[in-house]
């Protein structure tokens, strides 16, 4: 069933909060007008704190971003991209990226796109629009839930 963009966004945040909760973390969804942080996460002791920015789409593997993503990063911030399937019997698909990895990748990818000619060989105009497409990321740049938890807990951190 196709749902509105607003409901897709809300569902994505709750899916992510549920996944974190079932792994033993406290996940507090922020108010709708919180810029740059959708979920504040802590372990039950309160000594492991981090933030999550959730981006949701339905039945697509591309997410539209703005150039703010190039500057909104920190050691304790992750982006989780949620692809919500149209069939409610199917599970969502998650792509988890550290904010620094995403910022660098988006910055470099956009500069590369600008440097190449557009349609009919014309110079491309810059804009605020950016895009996350997991196919352009290396497998080690995209985390699974266990790798995210290990990073939060400082296990196997490079």
C-alpha atoms as a PDB file:
ATOM      1  CA  UNK A   1       0.000   0.000   0.000  1.00  0.00           C
ATOM      2  CA  UNK A   2       1.433   3.359  -0.998  1.00  0.00           C
ATOM      3  CA  UNK A   3       1.501   5.902   1.830  1.00  0.00           C
ATOM      4  CA  UNK A   4       2.181   9.645   1.905  1.00  0.00           C
ATOM      5  CA  UNK A   5       5.691  11.044   2.276  1.00  0.00           C
ATOM      6  CA  UNK A   6       4.798  12.302   5.739  1.00  0.00           C
ATOM      7  CA  UNK A   7       3.619   8.869   6.911  1.00  0.00           C
ATOM      8  CA  UNK A   8       6.644   7.254   5.279  1.00  0.00           C
ATOM      9  CA  UNK A   9       8.927   9.568   7.273  1.00  0.00           C
ATOM     10  CA  UNK A  10       7.126   8.864  10.534  1.00  0.00           C
ATOM     11  CA  UNK A  11       7.106   5.103   9.883  1.00  0.00           C
ATOM     12  CA  UNK A  12      10.837   5.143   9.121  1.00  0.00           C
ATOM     13  CA  UNK A  13      11.627   6.834  12.442  1.00  0.00           C
ATOM     14  CA  UNK A  14       9.529   4.324  14.366  1.00  0.00           C
ATOM     15  CA  UNK A  15      11.055   1.361  12.510  1.00  0.00           C
ATOM     16  CA  UNK A  16      14.547   2.589  13.438  1.00  0.00           C
ATOM     17  CA  UNK A  17      13.543   3.307  17.057  1.00  0.00           C
ATOM     18  CA  UNK A  18      12.053  -0.194  17.290  1.00  0.00           C
ATOM     19  CA  UNK A  19      15.213  -1.832  15.935  1.00  0.00           C
ATOM     20  CA  UNK A  20      17.354   0.060  18.447  1.00  0.00           C
ATOM     21  CA  UNK A  21      14.983  -0.735  21.319  1.00  0.00           C
ATOM     22  CA  UNK A  22      14.976  -4.443  20.548  1.00  0.00           C
ATOM     23  CA  UNK A  23      18.773  -4.331  20.762  1.00  0.00           C
ATOM     24  CA  UNK A  24      18.612  -2.907  24.306  1.00  0.00           C
ATOM     25  CA  UNK A  25      18.875   0.828  23.665  1.00  0.00           C
ATOM     26  CA  UNK A  26      16.659   3.701  24.702  1.00  0.00           C
ATOM     27  CA  UNK A  27      15.510   5.472  21.542  1.00  0.00           C
ATOM     28  CA  UNK A  28      13.727   8.799  21.927  1.00  0.00           C
ATOM     29  CA  UNK A  29      12.175  10.275  18.808  1.00  0.00           C
ATOM     30  CA  UNK A  30      12.654  14.055  18.801  1.00  0.00           C
ATOM     31  CA  UNK A  31       9.990  16.625  18.059  1.00  0.00           C
ATOM     32  CA  UNK A  32       9.101  17.016  14.384  1.00  0.00           C
ATOM     33  CA  UNK A  33      10.871  20.359  14.046  1.00  0.00           C
ATOM     34  CA  UNK A  34      14.248  19.152  15.386  1.00  0.00           C
ATOM     35  CA  UNK A  35      16.732  19.894  12.628  1.00  0.00           C
ATOM     36  CA  UNK A  36      19.397  17.275  11.984  1.00  0.00           C
ATOM     37  CA  UNK A  37      18.480  14.748  14.707  1.00  0.00           C
ATOM     38  CA  UNK A  38      15.454  12.464  14.567  1.00  0.00           C
ATOM     39  CA  UNK A  39      16.327  10.000  17.323  1.00  0.00           C
ATOM     40  CA  UNK A  40      18.443  10.383  20.457  1.00  0.00           C
ATOM     41  CA  UNK A  41      19.843   7.047  21.594  1.00  0.00           C
ATOM     42  CA  UNK A  42      21.383   5.890  24.866  1.00  0.00           C
ATOM     43  CA  UNK A  43      22.297   2.606  26.461  1.00  0.00           C
ATOM     44  CA  UNK A  44      20.444   1.852  29.704  1.00  0.00           C
ATOM     45  CA  UNK A  45      23.368   3.150  31.802  1.00  0.00           C
ATOM     46  CA  UNK A  46      23.329   6.512  30.034  1.00  0.00           C
ATOM     47  CA  UNK A  47      27.044   6.460  29.220  1.00  0.00           C
ATOM     48  CA  UNK A  48      26.727   5.737  25.479  1.00  0.00           C
ATOM     49  CA  UNK A  49      24.884   8.548  23.725  1.00  0.00           C
ATOM     50  CA  UNK A  50      24.505   9.149  20.019  1.00  0.00           C
ATOM     51  CA  UNK A  51      22.125  10.614  17.460  1.00  0.00           C
ATOM     52  CA  UNK A  52      20.385   9.288  14.381  1.00  0.00           C
ATOM     53  CA  UNK A  53      19.069  11.124  11.348  1.00  0.00           C
ATOM     54  CA  UNK A  54      16.462   9.000   9.547  1.00  0.00           C
ATOM     55  CA  UNK A  55      15.607   9.372   5.877  1.00  0.00           C
ATOM     56  CA  UNK A  56      12.711   7.333   4.544  1.00  0.00           C
ATOM     57  CA  UNK A  57      11.374   6.511   1.133  1.00  0.00           C
ATOM     58  CA  UNK A  58       8.904   3.983  -0.150  1.00  0.00           C
ATOM     59  CA  UNK A  59       9.848   1.303  -2.638  1.00  0.00           C
ATOM     60  CA  UNK A  60      12.928   3.239  -3.868  1.00  0.00           C
ATOM     61  CA  UNK A  61      16.634   2.920  -3.148  1.00  0.00           C
ATOM     62  CA  UNK A  62      17.482   6.607  -3.575  1.00  0.00           C
ATOM     63  CA  UNK A  63      17.011   9.428  -1.086  1.00  0.00           C
ATOM     64  CA  UNK A  64      17.055  13.148  -1.808  1.00  0.00           C
ATOM     65  CA  UNK A  65      19.194  15.227   0.568  1.00  0.00           C
ATOM     66  CA  UNK A  66      20.315  18.835   0.783  1.00  0.00           C
ATOM     67  CA  UNK A  67      23.840  20.183   0.912  1.00  0.00           C
ATOM     68  CA  UNK A  68      23.463  20.558   4.716  1.00  0.00           C
ATOM     69  CA  UNK A  69      24.431  16.884   4.971  1.00  0.00           C
ATOM     70  CA  UNK A  70      27.971  17.855   3.933  1.00  0.00           C
ATOM     71  CA  UNK A  71      28.422  19.862   7.146  1.00  0.00           C
ATOM     72  CA  UNK A  72      26.133  18.134   9.685  1.00  0.00           C
ATOM     73  CA  UNK A  73      28.379  15.380  10.963  1.00  0.00           C
ATOM     74  CA  UNK A  74      29.961  14.285  14.221  1.00  0.00           C
ATOM     75  CA  UNK A  75      31.637  11.246  15.734  1.00  0.00           C
ATOM     76  CA  UNK A  76      28.375  10.226  17.403  1.00  0.00           C
ATOM     77  CA  UNK A  77      25.934  10.737  14.556  1.00  0.00           C
ATOM     78  CA  UNK A  78      24.652   8.185  12.067  1.00  0.00           C
ATOM     79  CA  UNK A  79      22.244   8.341   9.163  1.00  0.00           C
ATOM     80  CA  UNK A  80      19.830   5.493   8.637  1.00  0.00           C
ATOM     81  CA  UNK A  81      18.107   5.336   5.270  1.00  0.00           C
ATOM     82  CA  UNK A  82      14.904   3.307   5.332  1.00  0.00           C
ATOM     83  CA  UNK A  83      13.263   1.844   2.251  1.00  0.00           C
ATOM     84  CA  UNK A  84       9.687   0.967   3.201  1.00  0.00           C
ATOM     85  CA  UNK A  85       8.199  -1.656   0.878  1.00  0.00           C
ATOM     86  CA  UNK A  86       4.729  -1.134  -0.562  1.00  0.00           C
ATOM     87  CA  UNK A  87       3.722  -4.659   0.457  1.00  0.00           C
ATOM     88  CA  UNK A  88       3.088  -4.498   4.225  1.00  0.00           C
ATOM     89  CA  UNK A  89       4.113  -8.166   4.560  1.00  0.00           C
ATOM     90  CA  UNK A  90       7.688  -7.259   3.573  1.00  0.00           C
ATOM     91  CA  UNK A  91      10.245  -5.823   6.008  1.00  0.00           C
ATOM     92  CA  UNK A  92      11.914  -2.439   5.563  1.00  0.00           C
ATOM     93  CA  UNK A  93      15.415  -2.244   4.137  1.00  0.00           C
ATOM     94  CA  UNK A  94      18.028  -0.239   6.086  1.00  0.00           C
ATOM     95  CA  UNK A  95      21.242   1.460   4.991  1.00  0.00           C
ATOM     96  CA  UNK A  96      23.310   2.738   7.921  1.00  0.00           C
ATOM     97  CA  UNK A  97      26.114   5.253   7.341  1.00  0.00           C
ATOM     98  CA  UNK A  98      28.308   7.209   9.742  1.00  0.00           C
ATOM     99  CA  UNK A  99      27.689  10.932   9.277  1.00  0.00           C
ATOM    100  CA  UNK A 100      31.347  11.678   8.452  1.00  0.00           C
ATOM    101  CA  UNK A 101      31.438   8.985   5.764  1.00  0.00           C
ATOM    102  CA  UNK A 102      28.191  10.290   4.287  1.00  0.00           C
ATOM    103  CA  UNK A 103      29.326  13.933   4.351  1.00  0.00           C
ATOM    104  CA  UNK A 104      32.612  13.171   2.603  1.00  0.00           C
ATOM    105  CA  UNK A 105      30.982  10.882   0.039  1.00  0.00           C
ATOM    106  CA  UNK A 106      28.192  13.328  -0.788  1.00  0.00           C
ATOM    107  CA  UNK A 107      30.619  16.265  -1.026  1.00  0.00           C
ATOM    108  CA  UNK A 108      33.015  14.417  -3.348  1.00  0.00           C
ATOM    109  CA  UNK A 109      30.215  12.850  -5.389  1.00  0.00           C
ATOM    110  CA  UNK A 110      28.542  16.191  -5.982  1.00  0.00           C
ATOM    111  CA  UNK A 111      31.821  17.842  -7.025  1.00  0.00           C
ATOM    112  CA  UNK A 112      32.447  14.987  -9.442  1.00  0.00           C
ATOM    113  CA  UNK A 113      28.933  15.345 -10.878  1.00  0.00           C
ATOM    114  CA  UNK A 114      29.440  19.109 -11.336  1.00  0.00           C
ATOM    115  CA  UNK A 115      32.752  18.578 -13.139  1.00  0.00           C
ATOM    116  CA  UNK A 116      31.165  16.448 -15.862  1.00  0.00           C
ATOM    117  CA  UNK A 117      29.127  17.909 -18.710  1.00  0.00           C
ATOM    118  CA  UNK A 118      25.359  17.622 -18.527  1.00  0.00           C
ATOM    119  CA  UNK A 119      22.884  17.182 -21.335  1.00  0.00           C
ATOM    120  CA  UNK A 120      24.159  18.325 -24.723  1.00  0.00           C
ATOM    121  CA  UNK A 121      27.619  18.885 -23.192  1.00  0.00           C
ATOM    122  CA  UNK A 122      26.510  21.906 -21.163  1.00  0.00           C
ATOM    123  CA  UNK A 123      28.106  22.888 -17.851  1.00  0.00           C
ATOM    124  CA  UNK A 124      25.970  21.801 -14.917  1.00  0.00           C
ATOM    125  CA  UNK A 125      24.595  24.388 -12.517  1.00  0.00           C
ATOM    126  CA  UNK A 126      25.175  23.888  -8.810  1.00  0.00           C
ATOM    127  CA  UNK A 127      22.168  23.382  -6.543  1.00  0.00           C
ATOM    128  CA  UNK A 128      21.339  22.467  -2.953  1.00  0.00           C
ATOM    129  CA  UNK A 129      20.088  19.017  -3.990  1.00  0.00           C
ATOM    130  CA  UNK A 130      22.135  15.945  -3.148  1.00  0.00           C
ATOM    131  CA  UNK A 131      21.302  12.264  -3.349  1.00  0.00           C
ATOM    132  CA  UNK A 132      22.126   9.130  -1.385  1.00  0.00           C
ATOM    133  CA  UNK A 133      22.233   5.991  -3.504  1.00  0.00           C
ATOM    134  CA  UNK A 134      23.746   2.960  -1.755  1.00  0.00           C
ATOM    135  CA  UNK A 135      25.104   1.549  -5.010  1.00  0.00           C
ATOM    136  CA  UNK A 136      27.839   4.221  -4.953  1.00  0.00           C
ATOM    137  CA  UNK A 137      29.097   3.185  -1.508  1.00  0.00           C
ATOM    138  CA  UNK A 138      31.616   0.469  -0.700  1.00  0.00           C
ATOM    139  CA  UNK A 139      30.287  -2.405   1.403  1.00  0.00           C
ATOM    140  CA  UNK A 140      32.516  -1.360   4.334  1.00  0.00           C
ATOM    141  CA  UNK A 141      30.946   2.121   4.296  1.00  0.00           C
ATOM    142  CA  UNK A 142      27.448   0.724   4.871  1.00  0.00           C
ATOM    143  CA  UNK A 143      26.887  -0.766   8.309  1.00  0.00           C
ATOM    144  CA  UNK A 144      24.494  -3.460   9.434  1.00  0.00           C
ATOM    145  CA  UNK A 145      22.758  -3.279  12.820  1.00  0.00           C
ATOM    146  CA  UNK A 146      25.442  -5.332  14.596  1.00  0.00           C
ATOM    147  CA  UNK A 147      28.246  -3.164  13.200  1.00  0.00           C
ATOM    148  CA  UNK A 148      26.383  -0.040  14.319  1.00  0.00           C
ATOM    149  CA  UNK A 149      26.054  -1.420  17.849  1.00  0.00           C
ATOM    150  CA  UNK A 150      29.756  -2.385  17.878  1.00  0.00           C
ATOM    151  CA  UNK A 151      30.714   1.150  16.886  1.00  0.00           C
ATOM    152  CA  UNK A 152      28.440   2.644  19.529  1.00  0.00           C
ATOM    153  CA  UNK A 153      29.981   0.371  22.133  1.00  0.00           C
ATOM    154  CA  UNK A 154      33.486   1.154  20.796  1.00  0.00           C
ATOM    155  CA  UNK A 155      34.041  -2.465  19.773  1.00  0.00           C
ATOM    156  CA  UNK A 156      36.203  -3.122  16.732  1.00  0.00           C
ATOM    157  CA  UNK A 157      36.462   0.586  15.967  1.00  0.00           C
ATOM    158  CA  UNK A 158      39.123   1.354  13.388  1.00  0.00           C
END
